[in-house]
Amino acid sequence: MSLPSDGFCRAIEIRSEACRLVEVRRFVEEVAAEVALDSERMFDLKVAVSEACANVVEHSGCESVPLEVRAHVHAERLTFSITDRGCFKPPNPTRQAYGNRGLGLPLMVALMDEVTFVRSPAGGTRVSLSVLLSGR
């Protein structure tokens, strides 16, 4: 099967509410199927994107404000970008995980080929999560 070409792009916008995360997971499944990712990589993407969105819901300070999830292909890489308009709280590297809490960022890094965080001077954050499409 051939890889999707550069320029492939899909996006959704939801309110940053926990009850809306199911829509994000469904969107990830649809995109992953469209680009023919195997089930293991699809699962990894669902977990990582869900974690990024859950962090927005819990930590961004932008309750019920739109959250954009965009998927695009460029240079044989599928990237999901999660953008919010809240107030970014940088991770504390010395903080120990408390029970099952505090594991989202390390989990995203472990599951993805590349993870980036960009803060906007105007407020908000974009988290980009990428997987390589070549060599599937």
N, C-alpha and C. Protein backbone atom coordinates (compact mmCIF):
# COMPACT_ATOMS: atom_id res chain seq x y z
N MET A 1 0.84 -1.17 0.00
CA MET A 1 0.00 0.00 0.00
C MET A 1 0.89 1.24 0.00
N SER A 2 0.55 2.24 -0.77
CA SER A 2 1.36 3.45 -0.82
C SER A 2 1.04 4.37 0.35
N LEU A 3 2.04 5.16 0.72
CA LEU A 3 1.86 6.12 1.80
C LEU A 3 1.00 7.28 1.33
N PRO A 4 0.23 7.89 2.25
CA PRO A 4 -0.50 9.08 1.87
C PRO A 4 0.50 10.17 1.51
N SER A 5 0.12 11.02 0.60
CA SER A 5 1.05 12.06 0.15
C SER A 5 1.12 13.21 1.13
N ASP A 6 2.24 13.96 1.04
CA ASP A 6 2.35 15.19 1.82
C ASP A 6 1.13 16.04 1.51
N GLY A 7 0.62 16.68 2.49
CA GLY A 7 -0.56 17.51 2.30
C GLY A 7 -1.81 16.87 2.85
N PHE A 8 -1.79 15.55 3.12
CA PHE A 8 -2.93 14.90 3.78
C PHE A 8 -3.18 15.63 5.08
N CYS A 9 -4.41 16.07 5.32
CA CYS A 9 -4.71 16.82 6.54
C CYS A 9 -6.16 16.62 6.93
N ARG A 10 -6.38 16.36 8.21
CA ARG A 10 -7.72 16.25 8.78
C ARG A 10 -7.69 16.99 10.11
N ALA A 11 -8.82 17.53 10.53
CA ALA A 11 -8.86 18.24 11.81
C ALA A 11 -10.25 18.17 12.42
N ILE A 12 -10.27 18.25 13.75
CA ILE A 12 -11.53 18.40 14.48
C ILE A 12 -11.30 19.47 15.55
N GLU A 13 -12.38 20.05 15.97
CA GLU A 13 -12.33 20.99 17.08
C GLU A 13 -13.42 20.58 18.06
N ILE A 14 -13.03 20.47 19.32
CA ILE A 14 -13.98 20.10 20.37
C ILE A 14 -13.83 21.08 21.52
N ARG A 15 -14.79 21.07 22.43
CA ARG A 15 -14.64 21.83 23.66
C ARG A 15 -13.74 21.01 24.58
N SER A 16 -12.91 21.68 25.36
CA SER A 16 -11.95 20.97 26.22
C SER A 16 -12.65 20.46 27.48
N GLU A 17 -13.42 19.40 27.29
CA GLU A 17 -14.16 18.75 28.36
C GLU A 17 -13.88 17.25 28.31
N ALA A 18 -13.73 16.64 29.47
CA ALA A 18 -13.38 15.22 29.53
C ALA A 18 -14.37 14.35 28.76
N CYS A 19 -15.63 14.70 28.79
CA CYS A 19 -16.64 13.88 28.11
C CYS A 19 -16.48 13.91 26.59
N ARG A 20 -15.69 14.83 26.06
CA ARG A 20 -15.51 14.94 24.61
C ARG A 20 -14.29 14.16 24.10
N LEU A 21 -13.51 13.56 25.02
CA LEU A 21 -12.30 12.85 24.60
C LEU A 21 -12.59 11.61 23.77
N VAL A 22 -13.76 11.03 23.92
CA VAL A 22 -14.14 9.89 23.09
C VAL A 22 -14.16 10.29 21.61
N GLU A 23 -14.54 11.53 21.32
CA GLU A 23 -14.54 12.02 19.94
C GLU A 23 -13.12 12.08 19.39
N VAL A 24 -12.18 12.46 20.23
CA VAL A 24 -10.78 12.52 19.82
C VAL A 24 -10.26 11.12 19.50
N ARG A 25 -10.56 10.17 20.37
CA ARG A 25 -10.10 8.80 20.13
C ARG A 25 -10.69 8.23 18.84
N ARG A 26 -11.95 8.53 18.58
CA ARG A 26 -12.59 8.07 17.34
C ARG A 26 -11.92 8.72 16.13
N PHE A 27 -11.60 10.00 16.23
CA PHE A 27 -10.91 10.73 15.16
C PHE A 27 -9.54 10.10 14.88
N VAL A 28 -8.80 9.79 15.93
CA VAL A 28 -7.48 9.15 15.77
C VAL A 28 -7.64 7.80 15.05
N GLU A 29 -8.62 7.01 15.45
CA GLU A 29 -8.86 5.72 14.79
C GLU A 29 -9.16 5.90 13.30
N GLU A 30 -10.00 6.87 12.98
CA GLU A 30 -10.36 7.11 11.58
C GLU A 30 -9.14 7.52 10.75
N VAL A 31 -8.34 8.43 11.27
CA VAL A 31 -7.16 8.88 10.54
C VAL A 31 -6.16 7.74 10.40
N ALA A 32 -5.91 7.01 11.49
CA ALA A 32 -4.95 5.90 11.44
C ALA A 32 -5.38 4.85 10.42
N ALA A 33 -6.67 4.58 10.35
CA ALA A 33 -7.17 3.63 9.35
C ALA A 33 -6.99 4.19 7.94
N GLU A 34 -7.22 5.47 7.78
CA GLU A 34 -7.10 6.09 6.46
C GLU A 34 -5.67 6.05 5.92
N VAL A 35 -4.69 6.13 6.83
CA VAL A 35 -3.29 6.07 6.38
C VAL A 35 -2.71 4.67 6.54
N ALA A 36 -3.58 3.70 6.86
CA ALA A 36 -3.21 2.28 6.93
C ALA A 36 -2.16 1.97 7.99
N LEU A 37 -2.29 2.56 9.16
CA LEU A 37 -1.41 2.20 10.27
C LEU A 37 -1.83 0.84 10.82
N ASP A 38 -0.87 0.09 11.31
CA ASP A 38 -1.22 -1.19 11.93
C ASP A 38 -1.88 -0.93 13.28
N SER A 39 -2.52 -1.94 13.82
CA SER A 39 -3.31 -1.78 15.04
C SER A 39 -2.46 -1.37 16.25
N GLU A 40 -1.22 -1.82 16.32
CA GLU A 40 -0.35 -1.46 17.44
C GLU A 40 -0.03 0.04 17.42
N ARG A 41 0.34 0.55 16.26
CA ARG A 41 0.64 1.99 16.15
C ARG A 41 -0.62 2.82 16.34
N MET A 42 -1.76 2.31 15.87
CA MET A 42 -3.02 3.01 16.08
C MET A 42 -3.30 3.13 17.59
N PHE A 43 -3.10 2.05 18.31
CA PHE A 43 -3.31 2.07 19.75
C PHE A 43 -2.38 3.08 20.42
N ASP A 44 -1.08 3.06 20.04
CA ASP A 44 -0.12 4.00 20.60
C ASP A 44 -0.55 5.45 20.36
N LEU A 45 -1.01 5.73 19.15
CA LEU A 45 -1.48 7.09 18.83
C LEU A 45 -2.70 7.46 19.67
N LYS A 46 -3.65 6.55 19.78
CA LYS A 46 -4.85 6.84 20.58
C LYS A 46 -4.48 7.18 22.02
N VAL A 47 -3.57 6.42 22.59
CA VAL A 47 -3.15 6.66 23.97
C VAL A 47 -2.44 8.01 24.08
N ALA A 48 -1.47 8.26 23.21
CA ALA A 48 -0.69 9.50 23.29
C ALA A 48 -1.55 10.74 23.04
N VAL A 49 -2.38 10.71 22.01
CA VAL A 49 -3.24 11.86 21.71
C VAL A 49 -4.26 12.06 22.83
N SER A 50 -4.81 10.98 23.35
CA SER A 50 -5.76 11.09 24.47
C SER A 50 -5.09 11.72 25.69
N GLU A 51 -3.86 11.31 25.97
CA GLU A 51 -3.12 11.89 27.10
C GLU A 51 -2.88 13.38 26.91
N ALA A 52 -2.49 13.77 25.70
CA ALA A 52 -2.26 15.19 25.43
C ALA A 52 -3.54 16.00 25.62
N CYS A 53 -4.64 15.47 25.11
CA CYS A 53 -5.93 16.16 25.24
C CYS A 53 -6.40 16.18 26.69
N ALA A 54 -6.20 15.09 27.42
CA ALA A 54 -6.57 15.05 28.83
C ALA A 54 -5.77 16.08 29.63
N ASN A 55 -4.51 16.27 29.26
CA ASN A 55 -3.70 17.29 29.93
C ASN A 55 -4.27 18.68 29.69
N VAL A 56 -4.76 18.93 28.48
CA VAL A 56 -5.40 20.22 28.20
C VAL A 56 -6.62 20.40 29.09
N VAL A 57 -7.46 19.37 29.14
CA VAL A 57 -8.69 19.45 29.93
C VAL A 57 -8.35 19.73 31.40
N GLU A 58 -7.34 19.04 31.91
CA GLU A 58 -7.05 19.13 33.34
C GLU A 58 -6.16 20.31 33.72
N HIS A 59 -5.19 20.68 32.86
CA HIS A 59 -4.15 21.60 33.31
C HIS A 59 -4.06 22.94 32.58
N SER A 60 -4.80 23.13 31.51
CA SER A 60 -4.58 24.35 30.72
C SER A 60 -5.26 25.59 31.26
N GLY A 61 -6.21 25.41 32.13
CA GLY A 61 -6.93 26.57 32.64
C GLY A 61 -7.91 27.15 31.64
N CYS A 62 -8.27 26.39 30.61
CA CYS A 62 -9.18 26.92 29.58
C CYS A 62 -10.43 26.06 29.50
N GLU A 63 -11.14 25.99 30.60
CA GLU A 63 -12.33 25.16 30.69
C GLU A 63 -13.34 25.49 29.59
N SER A 64 -13.74 24.47 28.88
CA SER A 64 -14.77 24.57 27.83
C SER A 64 -14.41 25.48 26.67
N VAL A 65 -13.14 25.73 26.48
CA VAL A 65 -12.67 26.52 25.34
C VAL A 65 -12.31 25.54 24.23
N PRO A 66 -12.43 25.92 22.96
CA PRO A 66 -12.11 24.99 21.88
C PRO A 66 -10.68 24.43 21.95
N LEU A 67 -10.58 23.18 21.60
CA LEU A 67 -9.33 22.44 21.52
C LEU A 67 -9.28 21.87 20.11
N GLU A 68 -8.20 22.14 19.38
CA GLU A 68 -8.09 21.64 18.01
C GLU A 68 -7.14 20.46 17.96
N VAL A 69 -7.56 19.41 17.26
CA VAL A 69 -6.71 18.25 17.00
C VAL A 69 -6.58 18.15 15.48
N ARG A 70 -5.36 18.27 15.00
CA ARG A 70 -5.09 18.26 13.56
C ARG A 70 -4.13 17.12 13.25
N ALA A 71 -4.44 16.36 12.20
CA ALA A 71 -3.57 15.27 11.74
C ALA A 71 -3.08 15.62 10.35
N HIS A 72 -1.78 15.49 10.14
CA HIS A 72 -1.27 15.73 8.80
C HIS A 72 -0.06 14.84 8.52
N VAL A 73 0.16 14.61 7.23
CA VAL A 73 1.30 13.82 6.77
C VAL A 73 2.28 14.75 6.08
N HIS A 74 3.54 14.60 6.46
CA HIS A 74 4.62 15.34 5.83
C HIS A 74 5.90 14.51 5.99
N ALA A 75 6.63 14.36 4.91
CA ALA A 75 7.91 13.65 4.93
C ALA A 75 7.80 12.27 5.58
N GLU A 76 6.81 11.49 5.12
CA GLU A 76 6.59 10.12 5.59
C GLU A 76 6.40 10.04 7.10
N ARG A 77 5.73 11.04 7.65
CA ARG A 77 5.48 11.12 9.08
C ARG A 77 4.03 11.57 9.30
N LEU A 78 3.32 10.88 10.17
CA LEU A 78 1.98 11.29 10.55
C LEU A 78 2.09 12.03 11.87
N THR A 79 1.59 13.26 11.90
CA THR A 79 1.68 14.08 13.10
C THR A 79 0.28 14.52 13.52
N PHE A 80 0.01 14.34 14.80
CA PHE A 80 -1.19 14.89 15.41
C PHE A 80 -0.75 16.10 16.24
N SER A 81 -1.35 17.25 15.98
CA SER A 81 -1.07 18.46 16.74
C SER A 81 -2.29 18.81 17.55
N ILE A 82 -2.09 19.00 18.85
CA ILE A 82 -3.17 19.35 19.77
C ILE A 82 -2.90 20.78 20.22
N THR A 83 -3.84 21.69 19.91
CA THR A 83 -3.64 23.11 20.20
C THR A 83 -4.74 23.61 21.11
N ASP A 84 -4.32 24.31 22.18
CA ASP A 84 -5.29 24.92 23.08
C ASP A 84 -4.94 26.40 23.26
N ARG A 85 -5.81 27.10 23.94
CA ARG A 85 -5.60 28.53 24.18
C ARG A 85 -5.47 28.83 25.67
N GLY A 86 -5.05 27.82 26.43
CA GLY A 86 -4.95 27.98 27.88
C GLY A 86 -3.59 28.47 28.32
N CYS A 87 -3.33 28.32 29.61
CA CYS A 87 -2.06 28.74 30.22
C CYS A 87 -1.21 27.51 30.47
N PHE A 88 -0.11 27.37 29.75
CA PHE A 88 0.76 26.21 29.84
C PHE A 88 1.43 26.15 31.21
N LYS A 89 1.45 24.97 31.81
CA LYS A 89 2.17 24.72 33.05
C LYS A 89 3.29 23.75 32.72
N PRO A 90 4.55 24.20 32.64
CA PRO A 90 5.63 23.29 32.27
C PRO A 90 5.76 22.13 33.25
N PRO A 91 6.16 20.96 32.74
CA PRO A 91 6.32 19.81 33.63
C PRO A 91 7.47 20.04 34.59
N ASN A 92 7.34 19.52 35.80
CA ASN A 92 8.38 19.61 36.80
C ASN A 92 9.17 18.31 36.75
N PRO A 93 10.41 18.36 36.22
CA PRO A 93 11.18 17.11 36.05
C PRO A 93 11.55 16.44 37.36
N THR A 94 11.53 17.17 38.48
CA THR A 94 11.89 16.55 39.76
C THR A 94 10.69 15.95 40.46
N ARG A 95 9.49 16.22 39.96
CA ARG A 95 8.28 15.69 40.59
C ARG A 95 8.17 14.19 40.35
N GLN A 96 7.99 13.47 41.39
CA GLN A 96 7.80 12.02 41.27
C GLN A 96 6.34 11.74 40.95
N ALA A 97 6.12 10.72 40.15
CA ALA A 97 4.74 10.33 39.83
C ALA A 97 4.04 9.92 41.12
N TYR A 98 2.82 10.36 41.26
CA TYR A 98 2.02 10.04 42.45
C TYR A 98 0.98 9.01 42.05
N GLY A 99 1.17 7.78 42.48
CA GLY A 99 0.25 6.72 42.11
C GLY A 99 0.22 6.56 40.60
N ASN A 100 -0.97 6.69 40.01
CA ASN A 100 -1.08 6.59 38.56
C ASN A 100 -1.12 7.97 37.91
N ARG A 101 -0.71 8.99 38.62
CA ARG A 101 -0.72 10.37 38.14
C ARG A 101 0.67 10.77 37.65
N GLY A 102 0.73 11.74 36.76
CA GLY A 102 2.00 12.29 36.33
C GLY A 102 2.75 11.47 35.30
N LEU A 103 2.07 10.54 34.66
CA LEU A 103 2.76 9.68 33.71
C LEU A 103 2.47 10.03 32.25
N GLY A 104 1.60 11.02 32.01
CA GLY A 104 1.18 11.34 30.64
C GLY A 104 2.32 11.74 29.72
N LEU A 105 3.16 12.67 30.15
CA LEU A 105 4.26 13.13 29.29
C LEU A 105 5.27 12.01 29.02
N PRO A 106 5.74 11.30 30.04
CA PRO A 106 6.65 10.19 29.75
C PRO A 106 6.03 9.13 28.84
N LEU A 107 4.74 8.89 29.00
CA LEU A 107 4.05 7.91 28.16
C LEU A 107 4.02 8.38 26.70
N MET A 108 3.70 9.65 26.49
CA MET A 108 3.69 10.19 25.12
C MET A 108 5.07 10.04 24.48
N VAL A 109 6.11 10.38 25.22
CA VAL A 109 7.48 10.29 24.69
C VAL A 109 7.84 8.83 24.38
N ALA A 110 7.43 7.91 25.23
CA ALA A 110 7.74 6.49 25.02
C ALA A 110 7.03 5.91 23.80
N LEU A 111 5.80 6.37 23.54
CA LEU A 111 5.00 5.77 22.47
C LEU A 111 5.23 6.39 21.09
N MET A 112 5.69 7.63 21.03
CA MET A 112 5.81 8.35 19.77
C MET A 112 7.26 8.39 19.28
N ASP A 113 7.42 8.61 17.98
CA ASP A 113 8.75 8.78 17.41
C ASP A 113 9.29 10.19 17.68
N GLU A 114 8.37 11.16 17.84
CA GLU A 114 8.78 12.53 18.15
C GLU A 114 7.65 13.23 18.89
N VAL A 115 8.01 13.99 19.91
CA VAL A 115 7.05 14.79 20.68
C VAL A 115 7.63 16.18 20.85
N THR A 116 6.84 17.20 20.52
CA THR A 116 7.29 18.58 20.72
C THR A 116 6.20 19.39 21.40
N PHE A 117 6.63 20.40 22.15
CA PHE A 117 5.73 21.33 22.83
C PHE A 117 6.13 22.74 22.42
N VAL A 118 5.14 23.53 22.00
CA VAL A 118 5.41 24.92 21.62
C VAL A 118 4.40 25.79 22.34
N ARG A 119 4.89 26.76 23.09
CA ARG A 119 4.02 27.72 23.76
C ARG A 119 3.84 28.94 22.88
N SER A 120 2.63 29.44 22.83
CA SER A 120 2.34 30.66 22.07
C SER A 120 2.49 31.86 22.98
N PRO A 121 3.15 32.93 22.51
CA PRO A 121 3.25 34.14 23.33
C PRO A 121 1.88 34.72 23.68
N ALA A 122 0.90 34.45 22.84
CA ALA A 122 -0.46 34.97 23.07
C ALA A 122 -1.26 34.08 24.02
N GLY A 123 -0.68 32.98 24.46
CA GLY A 123 -1.38 32.02 25.32
C GLY A 123 -1.70 30.76 24.54
N GLY A 124 -1.67 29.66 25.23
CA GLY A 124 -1.95 28.39 24.59
C GLY A 124 -0.69 27.60 24.30
N THR A 125 -0.90 26.36 23.97
CA THR A 125 0.19 25.42 23.72
C THR A 125 -0.19 24.51 22.56
N ARG A 126 0.83 24.11 21.80
CA ARG A 126 0.63 23.09 20.77
C ARG A 126 1.56 21.93 21.09
N VAL A 127 0.96 20.76 21.23
CA VAL A 127 1.71 19.52 21.43
C VAL A 127 1.63 18.76 20.12
N SER A 128 2.77 18.36 19.58
CA SER A 128 2.81 17.59 18.33
C SER A 128 3.37 16.21 18.62
N LEU A 129 2.64 15.20 18.15
CA LEU A 129 2.99 13.80 18.36
C LEU A 129 3.12 13.14 17.00
N SER A 130 4.31 12.61 16.69
CA SER A 130 4.57 12.06 15.36
C SER A 130 4.98 10.60 15.39
N VAL A 131 4.54 9.89 14.35
CA VAL A 131 4.99 8.52 14.10
C VAL A 131 5.47 8.44 12.65
N LEU A 132 6.51 7.66 12.44
CA LEU A 132 7.01 7.45 11.09
C LEU A 132 6.09 6.50 10.35
N LEU A 133 5.83 6.81 9.10
CA LEU A 133 4.98 5.95 8.28
C LEU A 133 5.78 4.96 7.47
N SER A 134 7.03 5.26 7.18
CA SER A 134 7.86 4.34 6.40
C SER A 134 8.27 3.17 7.28
N GLY A 135 8.45 2.03 6.64
CA GLY A 135 8.90 0.85 7.36
C GLY A 135 7.83 0.22 8.23
N ARG A 136 6.55 0.48 7.92
CA ARG A 136 5.48 -0.12 8.72
C ARG A 136 5.41 -1.59 8.48
